[in-house]
Amino acid sequence: MKRIIRTAALCAVTLAAIVIVPTMAGAKGGPTTCNGTLTPGTYNGVVVPDGGVCIIDSGPLTINGGLTVGAGATFVFGDEGSPDVTSTINGGVHASGAASVQIHFSKISGGVEVHGGGLGGFGGPFGVTWNTIEDSVISGGVTIDGYRGFWMGFIRNTVNGPVNLNDNVLRDDDGNEYVTNTIRGGLNCADNEPAPQVGDSEGDLNQVIGPVTGQCTDVV
C-alpha cells in the first residue's frame, strides 16, 4: 500500500503545486506562514495555518525556530525518491490535529510531536491523509499519537531520544509501518490499529538501544 500511496502522492503534488496560493512571509525576524510553498533558504520558524497546505519539493531548507502545523493542515517536505532535497529544522516539529505531516531527508533538532489529526483517513489535497517521517536524523524525543488517517510510516530514521508511537488507528490494513529505524532511547508502542508491522515497505526490523515495550516488541 505504501507504494500505491507514493505514486498517487507524486501526481497530486504536481497538481497542488500549480493551484496552491503563494507563501506569505511573516514579520521581519518572525516566523513565516506557509500556505503554498517555500523557496530554498533560511526561515525563522514556519507555521502552516489551520486548514492550510504547504508542499515543498526543493531544497535545501533551513528552519530556525521550529515547524508548527495547524489543525486540518497538510505539510509535505520532499519525497523518498529525492535524497538531494534536504532540510534542517531547529526547534522541533509540532503538529496538533493536522491532516498530514510528511517529512523526508531532514535533520531535526528538538524532536517531533504530532498529536491527533488525520480527518478519519479521507480529505486534504491528496484525497487520503497520511503521516510519514522518513530518512531523517532526529535529536530529541518523538511522540506521534492519536492519529486517525489512512496510513502512517516511521521509516529509516536515526533518533537520539525516546520514541512513542501510540493510539494511531489507520484505515489501511498495513497502516502502521515502523521499520528500519535506529533508535537510541527506547521504543514504546501501544493501542495502534493495525499493530506495527513491516507491511509492504520491504523494510528491516528496528535497532533499538533502550527499553522496547508494547506492540513494538514485534518489530525489533
N, C-alpha and C. Protein backbone atom coordinates (compact mmCIF):
# COMPACT_ATOMS: atom_id res chain seq x y z
N MET A 1 0.82 -1.21 0.00
CA MET A 1 0.00 0.00 0.00
C MET A 1 0.86 1.26 0.00
N LYS A 2 2.02 1.21 0.64
CA LYS A 2 2.89 2.38 0.67
C LYS A 2 3.27 2.80 -0.74
N ARG A 3 3.59 1.85 -1.63
CA ARG A 3 3.98 2.20 -2.99
C ARG A 3 2.83 2.83 -3.76
N ILE A 4 1.61 2.34 -3.53
CA ILE A 4 0.44 2.91 -4.20
C ILE A 4 0.22 4.35 -3.75
N ILE A 5 0.31 4.58 -2.45
CA ILE A 5 0.14 5.94 -1.93
C ILE A 5 1.21 6.86 -2.50
N ARG A 6 2.47 6.39 -2.57
CA ARG A 6 3.54 7.23 -3.08
C ARG A 6 3.29 7.66 -4.51
N THR A 7 2.86 6.75 -5.37
CA THR A 7 2.57 7.11 -6.76
C THR A 7 1.47 8.14 -6.85
N ALA A 8 0.41 7.94 -6.08
CA ALA A 8 -0.69 8.91 -6.08
C ALA A 8 -0.22 10.26 -5.56
N ALA A 9 0.64 10.25 -4.57
CA ALA A 9 1.12 11.50 -3.97
C ALA A 9 1.93 12.32 -4.95
N LEU A 10 2.80 11.68 -5.72
CA LEU A 10 3.62 12.42 -6.66
C LEU A 10 2.77 13.14 -7.69
N CYS A 11 1.71 12.48 -8.17
CA CYS A 11 0.79 13.13 -9.11
C CYS A 11 0.06 14.28 -8.45
N ALA A 12 -0.38 14.07 -7.21
CA ALA A 12 -1.14 15.10 -6.51
C ALA A 12 -0.28 16.30 -6.17
N VAL A 13 1.00 16.05 -5.82
CA VAL A 13 1.89 17.17 -5.52
C VAL A 13 2.09 18.04 -6.75
N THR A 14 2.22 17.42 -7.91
CA THR A 14 2.38 18.19 -9.14
C THR A 14 1.19 19.10 -9.38
N LEU A 15 -0.01 18.57 -9.20
CA LEU A 15 -1.21 19.38 -9.38
C LEU A 15 -1.31 20.45 -8.32
N ALA A 16 -1.02 20.08 -7.06
CA ALA A 16 -1.14 21.04 -5.96
C ALA A 16 -0.19 22.20 -6.15
N ALA A 17 1.00 21.93 -6.68
CA ALA A 17 1.98 22.99 -6.86
C ALA A 17 1.48 24.05 -7.83
N ILE A 18 0.55 23.67 -8.71
CA ILE A 18 0.02 24.62 -9.68
C ILE A 18 -1.06 25.51 -9.06
N VAL A 19 -1.87 24.94 -8.14
CA VAL A 19 -3.06 25.66 -7.72
C VAL A 19 -2.98 26.28 -6.33
N ILE A 20 -2.00 25.90 -5.50
CA ILE A 20 -1.98 26.46 -4.16
C ILE A 20 -1.52 27.91 -4.19
N VAL A 21 -1.94 28.66 -3.18
CA VAL A 21 -1.66 30.08 -3.16
C VAL A 21 -0.23 30.33 -2.70
N PRO A 22 0.33 31.51 -3.02
CA PRO A 22 1.72 31.78 -2.65
C PRO A 22 1.91 31.85 -1.14
N THR A 23 3.18 31.66 -0.74
CA THR A 23 3.56 31.80 0.65
C THR A 23 3.44 33.25 1.10
N MET A 24 3.05 33.43 2.36
CA MET A 24 3.02 34.76 2.95
C MET A 24 4.11 34.85 4.01
N ALA A 25 5.00 35.78 3.88
CA ALA A 25 6.09 35.93 4.84
C ALA A 25 5.61 36.65 6.08
N GLY A 26 6.16 36.25 7.23
CA GLY A 26 5.82 36.90 8.48
C GLY A 26 6.64 38.17 8.67
N ALA A 27 6.49 38.77 9.83
CA ALA A 27 7.24 39.98 10.14
C ALA A 27 8.73 39.67 10.15
N LYS A 28 9.54 40.69 9.90
CA LYS A 28 10.98 40.53 9.87
C LYS A 28 11.46 39.91 11.17
N GLY A 29 12.21 38.81 11.05
CA GLY A 29 12.71 38.13 12.22
C GLY A 29 11.74 37.16 12.84
N GLY A 30 10.49 37.17 12.39
CA GLY A 30 9.47 36.28 12.94
C GLY A 30 9.24 35.09 12.04
N PRO A 31 8.28 34.23 12.41
CA PRO A 31 8.00 33.04 11.61
C PRO A 31 7.34 33.39 10.28
N THR A 32 7.47 32.49 9.34
CA THR A 32 6.85 32.60 8.03
C THR A 32 5.62 31.71 7.98
N THR A 33 4.51 32.24 7.49
CA THR A 33 3.31 31.45 7.28
C THR A 33 3.36 30.84 5.88
N CYS A 34 3.27 29.52 5.82
CA CYS A 34 3.31 28.83 4.53
C CYS A 34 1.94 28.27 4.22
N ASN A 35 1.29 28.81 3.22
CA ASN A 35 0.06 28.26 2.67
C ASN A 35 0.25 28.24 1.16
N GLY A 36 1.08 27.32 0.73
CA GLY A 36 1.52 27.24 -0.65
C GLY A 36 2.83 26.49 -0.70
N THR A 37 3.94 27.21 -0.90
CA THR A 37 5.25 26.57 -0.92
C THR A 37 6.29 27.54 -0.41
N LEU A 38 7.52 27.05 -0.25
CA LEU A 38 8.64 27.88 0.18
C LEU A 38 9.79 27.69 -0.79
N THR A 39 10.49 28.77 -1.10
CA THR A 39 11.70 28.66 -1.89
C THR A 39 12.84 28.23 -0.98
N PRO A 40 13.88 27.59 -1.51
CA PRO A 40 15.03 27.23 -0.67
C PRO A 40 15.59 28.45 0.04
N GLY A 41 16.07 28.23 1.27
CA GLY A 41 16.60 29.33 2.05
C GLY A 41 16.46 29.06 3.53
N THR A 42 16.62 30.13 4.31
CA THR A 42 16.58 30.04 5.77
C THR A 42 15.41 30.85 6.30
N TYR A 43 14.67 30.25 7.22
CA TYR A 43 13.47 30.88 7.78
C TYR A 43 13.51 30.83 9.29
N ASN A 44 13.00 31.91 9.91
CA ASN A 44 12.93 31.98 11.37
C ASN A 44 11.60 31.40 11.84
N GLY A 45 11.46 30.08 11.71
CA GLY A 45 10.22 29.43 12.06
C GLY A 45 9.26 29.40 10.89
N VAL A 46 8.50 28.31 10.78
CA VAL A 46 7.48 28.17 9.74
C VAL A 46 6.20 27.68 10.38
N VAL A 47 5.08 28.30 10.02
CA VAL A 47 3.77 27.94 10.52
C VAL A 47 2.86 27.63 9.34
N VAL A 48 2.25 26.43 9.36
CA VAL A 48 1.20 26.11 8.40
C VAL A 48 -0.12 26.34 9.12
N PRO A 49 -0.94 27.29 8.68
CA PRO A 49 -2.14 27.66 9.43
C PRO A 49 -3.20 26.56 9.38
N ASP A 50 -4.15 26.63 10.27
CA ASP A 50 -5.26 25.67 10.28
C ASP A 50 -5.86 25.55 8.88
N GLY A 51 -5.97 24.32 8.38
CA GLY A 51 -6.56 24.09 7.07
C GLY A 51 -5.65 24.40 5.91
N GLY A 52 -4.43 24.86 6.18
CA GLY A 52 -3.51 25.23 5.11
C GLY A 52 -2.84 24.03 4.46
N VAL A 53 -2.19 24.29 3.31
CA VAL A 53 -1.44 23.27 2.58
C VAL A 53 -0.09 23.85 2.21
N CYS A 54 0.98 23.23 2.70
CA CYS A 54 2.34 23.67 2.40
C CYS A 54 3.10 22.48 1.83
N ILE A 55 3.43 22.53 0.54
CA ILE A 55 4.10 21.44 -0.15
C ILE A 55 5.42 21.97 -0.70
N ILE A 56 6.53 21.35 -0.28
CA ILE A 56 7.86 21.83 -0.64
C ILE A 56 8.61 20.69 -1.31
N ASP A 57 9.03 20.90 -2.55
CA ASP A 57 9.71 19.83 -3.27
C ASP A 57 11.09 20.23 -3.75
N SER A 58 11.65 21.30 -3.13
CA SER A 58 13.02 21.69 -3.46
C SER A 58 13.73 22.17 -2.20
N GLY A 59 15.02 22.09 -2.19
CA GLY A 59 15.80 22.48 -1.03
C GLY A 59 17.17 22.97 -1.50
N PRO A 60 18.09 23.21 -0.56
CA PRO A 60 17.95 22.95 0.88
C PRO A 60 17.11 24.02 1.57
N LEU A 61 16.54 23.60 2.71
CA LEU A 61 15.69 24.47 3.51
C LEU A 61 16.19 24.41 4.95
N THR A 62 16.32 25.57 5.57
CA THR A 62 16.67 25.63 6.99
C THR A 62 15.59 26.40 7.72
N ILE A 63 15.06 25.78 8.78
CA ILE A 63 14.06 26.43 9.62
C ILE A 63 14.63 26.56 11.02
N ASN A 64 14.84 27.78 11.46
CA ASN A 64 15.28 28.05 12.83
C ASN A 64 14.08 28.60 13.60
N GLY A 65 13.71 27.94 14.69
CA GLY A 65 12.54 28.38 15.43
C GLY A 65 11.40 27.39 15.34
N GLY A 66 11.62 26.28 14.65
CA GLY A 66 10.65 25.20 14.65
C GLY A 66 9.61 25.29 13.55
N LEU A 67 8.97 24.13 13.32
CA LEU A 67 7.88 23.99 12.37
C LEU A 67 6.61 23.67 13.14
N THR A 68 5.53 24.43 12.87
CA THR A 68 4.25 24.22 13.52
C THR A 68 3.19 23.99 12.44
N VAL A 69 2.44 22.89 12.57
CA VAL A 69 1.40 22.54 11.59
C VAL A 69 0.06 22.55 12.30
N GLY A 70 -0.88 23.34 11.80
CA GLY A 70 -2.15 23.55 12.47
C GLY A 70 -3.18 22.47 12.18
N ALA A 71 -4.32 22.62 12.81
CA ALA A 71 -5.41 21.64 12.69
C ALA A 71 -5.91 21.56 11.25
N GLY A 72 -6.07 20.34 10.74
CA GLY A 72 -6.56 20.14 9.39
C GLY A 72 -5.60 20.52 8.29
N ALA A 73 -4.37 20.89 8.65
CA ALA A 73 -3.38 21.34 7.68
C ALA A 73 -2.54 20.19 7.15
N THR A 74 -1.91 20.42 6.00
CA THR A 74 -1.04 19.43 5.35
C THR A 74 0.33 20.05 5.15
N PHE A 75 1.38 19.33 5.58
CA PHE A 75 2.75 19.76 5.34
C PHE A 75 3.51 18.61 4.69
N VAL A 76 4.15 18.90 3.56
CA VAL A 76 4.94 17.90 2.84
C VAL A 76 6.29 18.50 2.51
N PHE A 77 7.36 17.84 2.95
CA PHE A 77 8.70 18.23 2.52
C PHE A 77 9.36 17.04 1.85
N GLY A 78 9.67 17.19 0.55
CA GLY A 78 10.40 16.19 -0.19
C GLY A 78 9.64 14.90 -0.41
N ASP A 79 10.36 13.88 -0.89
CA ASP A 79 9.80 12.54 -1.06
C ASP A 79 10.94 11.54 -1.03
N GLU A 80 10.59 10.26 -0.89
CA GLU A 80 11.62 9.24 -0.70
C GLU A 80 12.49 9.03 -1.92
N GLY A 81 12.07 9.53 -3.07
CA GLY A 81 12.86 9.40 -4.28
C GLY A 81 13.79 10.56 -4.56
N SER A 82 13.85 11.54 -3.64
CA SER A 82 14.68 12.74 -3.87
C SER A 82 15.60 13.00 -2.69
N PRO A 83 16.65 12.19 -2.53
CA PRO A 83 17.55 12.37 -1.38
C PRO A 83 18.34 13.67 -1.42
N ASP A 84 18.37 14.34 -2.57
CA ASP A 84 19.08 15.61 -2.67
C ASP A 84 18.25 16.78 -2.17
N VAL A 85 16.96 16.55 -1.88
CA VAL A 85 16.10 17.60 -1.33
C VAL A 85 16.11 17.44 0.19
N THR A 86 16.86 18.32 0.86
CA THR A 86 17.09 18.16 2.30
C THR A 86 16.67 19.41 3.07
N SER A 87 16.45 19.19 4.37
CA SER A 87 16.14 20.33 5.23
C SER A 87 16.78 20.15 6.59
N THR A 88 16.96 21.27 7.28
CA THR A 88 17.39 21.29 8.68
C THR A 88 16.32 22.05 9.45
N ILE A 89 15.77 21.40 10.46
CA ILE A 89 14.72 22.03 11.27
C ILE A 89 15.21 22.12 12.71
N ASN A 90 15.51 23.32 13.16
CA ASN A 90 15.92 23.55 14.54
C ASN A 90 14.73 24.10 15.33
N GLY A 91 14.48 23.50 16.49
CA GLY A 91 13.33 23.91 17.27
C GLY A 91 12.19 22.92 17.22
N GLY A 92 12.40 21.82 16.50
CA GLY A 92 11.44 20.73 16.51
C GLY A 92 10.27 20.89 15.57
N VAL A 93 9.50 19.79 15.47
CA VAL A 93 8.28 19.72 14.67
C VAL A 93 7.11 19.55 15.62
N HIS A 94 6.10 20.41 15.46
CA HIS A 94 4.96 20.41 16.37
C HIS A 94 3.67 20.46 15.54
N ALA A 95 2.82 19.45 15.70
CA ALA A 95 1.55 19.42 14.96
C ALA A 95 0.45 18.97 15.90
N SER A 96 -0.71 19.60 15.77
CA SER A 96 -1.88 19.23 16.58
C SER A 96 -3.10 19.20 15.67
N GLY A 97 -3.66 18.01 15.46
CA GLY A 97 -4.85 17.88 14.64
C GLY A 97 -4.60 18.02 13.15
N ALA A 98 -3.35 17.89 12.70
CA ALA A 98 -3.02 18.07 11.28
C ALA A 98 -3.60 16.94 10.44
N ALA A 99 -3.92 17.26 9.19
CA ALA A 99 -4.38 16.22 8.27
C ALA A 99 -3.25 15.28 7.90
N SER A 100 -2.10 15.83 7.51
CA SER A 100 -0.93 15.04 7.11
C SER A 100 0.34 15.80 7.44
N VAL A 101 1.33 15.07 7.96
CA VAL A 101 2.68 15.61 8.18
C VAL A 101 3.65 14.64 7.51
N GLN A 102 4.32 15.09 6.47
CA GLN A 102 5.19 14.22 5.68
C GLN A 102 6.55 14.89 5.54
N ILE A 103 7.58 14.28 6.13
CA ILE A 103 8.91 14.87 6.16
C ILE A 103 9.93 13.81 5.73
N HIS A 104 10.80 14.18 4.79
CA HIS A 104 11.83 13.27 4.26
C HIS A 104 13.19 13.95 4.31
N PHE A 105 14.23 13.16 4.49
CA PHE A 105 15.62 13.60 4.37
C PHE A 105 15.88 14.91 5.10
N SER A 106 15.56 14.91 6.39
CA SER A 106 15.70 16.12 7.19
C SER A 106 16.52 15.84 8.44
N LYS A 107 17.17 16.88 8.91
CA LYS A 107 17.87 16.84 10.19
C LYS A 107 17.06 17.70 11.16
N ILE A 108 16.49 17.06 12.17
CA ILE A 108 15.56 17.74 13.07
C ILE A 108 16.16 17.80 14.46
N SER A 109 16.30 18.97 14.99
CA SER A 109 16.78 19.17 16.35
C SER A 109 15.64 19.73 17.20
N GLY A 110 15.35 19.04 18.31
CA GLY A 110 14.25 19.48 19.15
C GLY A 110 13.08 18.51 19.16
N GLY A 111 13.24 17.39 18.45
CA GLY A 111 12.24 16.34 18.48
C GLY A 111 11.03 16.58 17.60
N VAL A 112 10.11 15.61 17.67
CA VAL A 112 8.89 15.63 16.86
C VAL A 112 7.71 15.32 17.76
N GLU A 113 6.69 16.16 17.71
CA GLU A 113 5.44 15.90 18.44
C GLU A 113 4.28 16.10 17.47
N VAL A 114 3.57 15.00 17.20
CA VAL A 114 2.40 15.04 16.32
C VAL A 114 1.25 14.41 17.08
N HIS A 115 0.24 15.21 17.38
CA HIS A 115 -0.89 14.75 18.19
C HIS A 115 -2.19 14.83 17.40
N GLY A 116 -2.92 13.70 17.35
CA GLY A 116 -4.24 13.68 16.74
C GLY A 116 -4.19 13.92 15.25
N GLY A 117 -5.34 14.28 14.70
CA GLY A 117 -5.45 14.60 13.28
C GLY A 117 -5.76 13.40 12.41
N GLY A 118 -5.72 13.65 11.09
CA GLY A 118 -5.93 12.61 10.11
C GLY A 118 -7.25 12.67 9.37
N LEU A 119 -8.22 13.43 9.87
CA LEU A 119 -9.51 13.61 9.18
C LEU A 119 -10.23 12.30 8.92
N GLY A 120 -9.94 11.28 9.71
CA GLY A 120 -10.61 10.00 9.51
C GLY A 120 -10.13 9.21 8.32
N GLY A 121 -9.06 9.66 7.70
CA GLY A 121 -8.46 8.92 6.59
C GLY A 121 -8.70 9.51 5.22
N PHE A 122 -9.69 10.39 5.09
CA PHE A 122 -10.03 10.91 3.77
C PHE A 122 -10.15 12.43 3.80
N GLY A 123 -9.67 13.06 2.73
CA GLY A 123 -9.71 14.51 2.64
C GLY A 123 -8.33 15.07 2.34
N GLY A 124 -8.18 16.39 2.42
CA GLY A 124 -6.92 17.03 2.12
C GLY A 124 -6.63 17.05 0.63
N PRO A 125 -5.46 17.57 0.25
CA PRO A 125 -5.16 17.75 -1.17
C PRO A 125 -4.94 16.45 -1.93
N PHE A 126 -4.73 15.32 -1.23
CA PHE A 126 -4.46 14.06 -1.90
C PHE A 126 -5.66 13.12 -1.92
N GLY A 127 -6.73 13.51 -1.28
CA GLY A 127 -7.91 12.64 -1.21
C GLY A 127 -7.88 11.70 -0.02
N VAL A 128 -6.67 11.23 0.36
CA VAL A 128 -6.47 10.46 1.58
C VAL A 128 -5.41 11.15 2.40
N THR A 129 -5.39 10.88 3.69
CA THR A 129 -4.44 11.54 4.59
C THR A 129 -3.46 10.52 5.15
N TRP A 130 -2.20 10.93 5.25
CA TRP A 130 -1.22 10.07 5.90
C TRP A 130 -0.07 10.89 6.46
N ASN A 131 0.53 10.32 7.52
CA ASN A 131 1.74 10.86 8.11
C ASN A 131 2.91 9.98 7.72
N THR A 132 4.06 10.59 7.49
CA THR A 132 5.28 9.80 7.36
C THR A 132 6.49 10.65 7.70
N ILE A 133 7.37 10.06 8.51
CA ILE A 133 8.68 10.64 8.78
C ILE A 133 9.68 9.61 8.28
N GLU A 134 10.50 9.99 7.29
CA GLU A 134 11.39 9.02 6.64
C GLU A 134 12.78 9.61 6.44
N ASP A 135 13.79 8.73 6.55
CA ASP A 135 15.17 9.04 6.15
C ASP A 135 15.69 10.30 6.83
N SER A 136 15.33 10.47 8.10
CA SER A 136 15.70 11.68 8.82
C SER A 136 16.52 11.37 10.06
N VAL A 137 17.28 12.36 10.51
CA VAL A 137 18.06 12.26 11.75
C VAL A 137 17.41 13.20 12.75
N ILE A 138 16.98 12.65 13.89
CA ILE A 138 16.19 13.41 14.85
C ILE A 138 16.91 13.43 16.20
N SER A 139 17.18 14.61 16.70
CA SER A 139 17.76 14.78 18.04
C SER A 139 16.65 15.26 18.96
N GLY A 140 16.30 14.40 19.94
CA GLY A 140 15.17 14.69 20.82
C GLY A 140 14.12 13.61 20.66
N GLY A 141 13.18 13.60 21.56
CA GLY A 141 12.15 12.56 21.54
C GLY A 141 11.17 12.71 20.40
N VAL A 142 10.51 11.58 20.09
CA VAL A 142 9.46 11.55 19.07
C VAL A 142 8.20 11.00 19.70
N THR A 143 7.10 11.74 19.59
CA THR A 143 5.79 11.26 20.01
C THR A 143 4.79 11.50 18.89
N ILE A 144 4.18 10.42 18.40
CA ILE A 144 3.10 10.52 17.42
C ILE A 144 1.95 9.71 17.99
N ASP A 145 0.84 10.37 18.28
CA ASP A 145 -0.25 9.65 18.93
C ASP A 145 -1.61 10.19 18.50
N GLY A 146 -2.60 9.30 18.58
CA GLY A 146 -3.98 9.68 18.30
C GLY A 146 -4.30 10.00 16.87
N TYR A 147 -3.47 9.50 15.92
CA TYR A 147 -3.69 9.83 14.51
C TYR A 147 -4.77 8.94 13.92
N ARG A 148 -5.67 9.53 13.14
CA ARG A 148 -6.78 8.82 12.52
C ARG A 148 -6.77 9.07 11.01
N GLY A 149 -5.68 8.64 10.37
CA GLY A 149 -5.55 8.81 8.94
C GLY A 149 -5.68 7.49 8.21
N PHE A 150 -5.16 7.46 6.98
CA PHE A 150 -5.24 6.24 6.17
C PHE A 150 -4.03 5.35 6.38
N TRP A 151 -2.84 5.97 6.47
CA TRP A 151 -1.60 5.21 6.60
C TRP A 151 -0.59 6.05 7.36
N MET A 152 0.36 5.39 8.04
CA MET A 152 1.43 6.12 8.72
C MET A 152 2.71 5.32 8.67
N GLY A 153 3.80 6.00 8.32
CA GLY A 153 5.11 5.36 8.28
C GLY A 153 6.12 6.11 9.13
N PHE A 154 6.95 5.33 9.81
CA PHE A 154 8.12 5.87 10.53
C PHE A 154 9.27 4.96 10.12
N ILE A 155 10.07 5.43 9.14
CA ILE A 155 10.91 4.52 8.37
C ILE A 155 12.31 5.11 8.13
N ARG A 156 13.33 4.28 8.37
CA ARG A 156 14.73 4.62 8.07
C ARG A 156 15.21 5.88 8.76
N ASN A 157 14.76 6.11 9.98
CA ASN A 157 15.20 7.27 10.75
C ASN A 157 16.27 6.88 11.77
N THR A 158 17.10 7.84 12.12
CA THR A 158 18.02 7.70 13.25
C THR A 158 17.57 8.70 14.32
N VAL A 159 17.25 8.18 15.50
CA VAL A 159 16.67 9.02 16.55
C VAL A 159 17.55 8.94 17.81
N ASN A 160 17.95 10.08 18.30
CA ASN A 160 18.66 10.17 19.57
C ASN A 160 17.68 10.69 20.62
N GLY A 161 16.92 9.76 21.17
CA GLY A 161 15.87 10.10 22.13
C GLY A 161 14.81 9.03 22.10
N PRO A 162 13.89 9.03 23.06
CA PRO A 162 12.83 8.02 23.10
C PRO A 162 11.79 8.24 22.00
N VAL A 163 11.20 7.13 21.54
CA VAL A 163 10.16 7.18 20.51
C VAL A 163 8.90 6.54 21.07
N ASN A 164 7.79 7.29 21.00
CA ASN A 164 6.48 6.82 21.46
C ASN A 164 5.48 6.94 20.32
N LEU A 165 4.96 5.79 19.88
CA LEU A 165 4.01 5.73 18.77
C LEU A 165 2.77 5.01 19.28
N ASN A 166 1.76 5.77 19.68
CA ASN A 166 0.64 5.20 20.42
C ASN A 166 -0.72 5.64 19.88
N ASP A 167 -1.69 4.72 19.94
CA ASP A 167 -3.09 5.02 19.65
C ASP A 167 -3.28 5.61 18.26
N ASN A 168 -2.53 5.09 17.29
CA ASN A 168 -2.68 5.52 15.91
C ASN A 168 -3.54 4.48 15.18
N VAL A 169 -4.75 4.87 14.83
CA VAL A 169 -5.74 3.94 14.26
C VAL A 169 -5.91 4.30 12.79
N LEU A 170 -5.43 3.42 11.90
CA LEU A 170 -5.37 3.69 10.47
C LEU A 170 -6.34 2.80 9.70
N ARG A 171 -6.79 3.29 8.56
CA ARG A 171 -7.76 2.55 7.76
C ARG A 171 -7.12 1.46 6.91
N ASP A 172 -5.86 1.64 6.54
CA ASP A 172 -5.19 0.65 5.70
C ASP A 172 -4.79 -0.58 6.52
N ASP A 173 -4.84 -1.76 5.90
CA ASP A 173 -4.54 -3.00 6.61
C ASP A 173 -3.10 -3.06 7.10
N ASP A 174 -2.17 -2.39 6.40
CA ASP A 174 -0.80 -2.33 6.90
C ASP A 174 -0.45 -0.87 7.22
N GLY A 175 -1.37 -0.24 7.93
CA GLY A 175 -1.31 1.20 8.12
C GLY A 175 -0.24 1.72 9.04
N ASN A 176 0.33 0.90 9.94
CA ASN A 176 1.38 1.37 10.84
C ASN A 176 2.68 0.65 10.51
N GLU A 177 3.49 1.26 9.65
CA GLU A 177 4.75 0.66 9.25
C GLU A 177 5.89 1.39 9.96
N TYR A 178 6.44 0.76 10.99
CA TYR A 178 7.53 1.33 11.79
C TYR A 178 8.74 0.42 11.59
N VAL A 179 9.62 0.76 10.66
CA VAL A 179 10.68 -0.17 10.28
C VAL A 179 11.98 0.55 9.94
N THR A 180 13.09 -0.21 10.07
CA THR A 180 14.43 0.19 9.61
C THR A 180 14.91 1.45 10.32
N ASN A 181 14.49 1.64 11.57
CA ASN A 181 14.95 2.78 12.35
C ASN A 181 16.08 2.37 13.29
N THR A 182 16.96 3.32 13.57
CA THR A 182 17.96 3.17 14.62
C THR A 182 17.60 4.15 15.72
N ILE A 183 17.29 3.62 16.89
CA ILE A 183 16.74 4.45 17.97
C ILE A 183 17.60 4.28 19.22
N ARG A 184 18.09 5.39 19.73
CA ARG A 184 18.88 5.39 20.95
C ARG A 184 18.09 6.12 22.04
N GLY A 185 17.32 5.33 22.79
CA GLY A 185 16.49 5.96 23.82
C GLY A 185 15.23 5.19 24.13
N GLY A 186 15.00 4.09 23.44
CA GLY A 186 13.84 3.26 23.71
C GLY A 186 12.69 3.49 22.75
N LEU A 187 11.82 2.46 22.66
CA LEU A 187 10.70 2.49 21.73
C LEU A 187 9.47 1.94 22.43
N ASN A 188 8.41 2.73 22.44
CA ASN A 188 7.15 2.32 23.08
C ASN A 188 6.00 2.44 22.09
N CYS A 189 5.22 1.37 21.98
CA CYS A 189 4.08 1.37 21.08
C CYS A 189 2.90 0.70 21.78
N ALA A 190 1.74 1.35 21.77
CA ALA A 190 0.56 0.77 22.41
C ALA A 190 -0.71 1.25 21.70
N ASP A 191 -1.69 0.36 21.63
CA ASP A 191 -3.04 0.69 21.16
C ASP A 191 -3.08 1.16 19.72
N ASN A 192 -2.13 0.70 18.91
CA ASN A 192 -2.15 1.02 17.49
C ASN A 192 -2.97 -0.03 16.73
N GLU A 193 -3.75 0.43 15.74
CA GLU A 193 -4.52 -0.48 14.89
C GLU A 193 -4.31 -0.07 13.43
N PRO A 194 -3.79 -0.98 12.60
CA PRO A 194 -3.29 -2.31 12.95
C PRO A 194 -2.01 -2.23 13.77
N ALA A 195 -1.57 -3.37 14.30
CA ALA A 195 -0.33 -3.39 15.07
C ALA A 195 0.85 -3.02 14.18
N PRO A 196 1.91 -2.44 14.74
CA PRO A 196 3.10 -2.11 13.96
C PRO A 196 3.62 -3.32 13.19
N GLN A 197 4.06 -3.08 11.94
CA GLN A 197 4.45 -4.19 11.08
C GLN A 197 5.34 -3.68 9.96
N VAL A 198 5.95 -4.63 9.24
CA VAL A 198 6.75 -4.28 8.08
C VAL A 198 5.86 -3.91 6.90
N GLY A 199 4.70 -4.57 6.78
CA GLY A 199 3.79 -4.27 5.68
C GLY A 199 4.45 -4.56 4.35
N ASP A 200 4.21 -3.71 3.34
CA ASP A 200 4.86 -3.89 2.04
C ASP A 200 6.02 -2.92 1.86
N SER A 201 6.53 -2.38 2.97
CA SER A 201 7.63 -1.42 2.90
C SER A 201 8.95 -2.06 2.51
N GLU A 202 9.03 -3.39 2.62
CA GLU A 202 10.27 -4.12 2.35
C GLU A 202 11.39 -3.66 3.27
N GLY A 203 11.00 -3.20 4.47
CA GLY A 203 11.97 -2.71 5.44
C GLY A 203 12.50 -3.80 6.34
N ASP A 204 13.40 -3.40 7.24
CA ASP A 204 14.02 -4.30 8.21
C ASP A 204 13.50 -3.99 9.61
N LEU A 205 13.80 -4.89 10.52
CA LEU A 205 13.46 -4.65 11.92
C LEU A 205 14.23 -3.46 12.46
N ASN A 206 13.69 -2.84 13.50
CA ASN A 206 14.32 -1.68 14.11
C ASN A 206 15.48 -2.10 15.01
N GLN A 207 16.48 -1.23 15.10
CA GLN A 207 17.60 -1.42 16.01
C GLN A 207 17.45 -0.40 17.14
N VAL A 208 17.26 -0.90 18.37
CA VAL A 208 16.91 -0.02 19.47
C VAL A 208 17.87 -0.23 20.64
N ILE A 209 18.41 0.87 21.13
CA ILE A 209 19.14 0.87 22.39
C ILE A 209 18.23 1.49 23.44
N GLY A 210 17.86 0.70 24.44
CA GLY A 210 16.91 1.17 25.44
C GLY A 210 15.73 0.23 25.49
N PRO A 211 14.78 0.48 26.38
CA PRO A 211 13.65 -0.42 26.54
C PRO A 211 12.72 -0.41 25.33
N VAL A 212 12.19 -1.58 25.00
CA VAL A 212 11.19 -1.72 23.95
C VAL A 212 9.95 -2.31 24.60
N THR A 213 8.82 -1.61 24.48
CA THR A 213 7.63 -2.04 25.18
C THR A 213 6.41 -2.09 24.25
N GLY A 214 5.40 -2.84 24.69
CA GLY A 214 4.14 -2.89 23.96
C GLY A 214 4.25 -3.58 22.63
N GLN A 215 3.50 -3.09 21.67
CA GLN A 215 3.39 -3.73 20.36
C GLN A 215 4.70 -3.74 19.58
N CYS A 216 5.61 -2.83 19.88
CA CYS A 216 6.83 -2.74 19.09
C CYS A 216 7.84 -3.83 19.42
N THR A 217 7.56 -4.67 20.41
CA THR A 217 8.44 -5.81 20.63
C THR A 217 8.43 -6.75 19.43
N ASP A 218 7.45 -6.64 18.55
CA ASP A 218 7.36 -7.49 17.36
C ASP A 218 8.14 -6.94 16.17
N VAL A 219 8.68 -5.72 16.27
CA VAL A 219 9.39 -5.14 15.14
C VAL A 219 10.82 -4.75 15.51
N VAL A 220 11.42 -5.50 16.45
CA VAL A 220 12.83 -5.32 16.79
C VAL A 220 13.52 -6.68 16.73
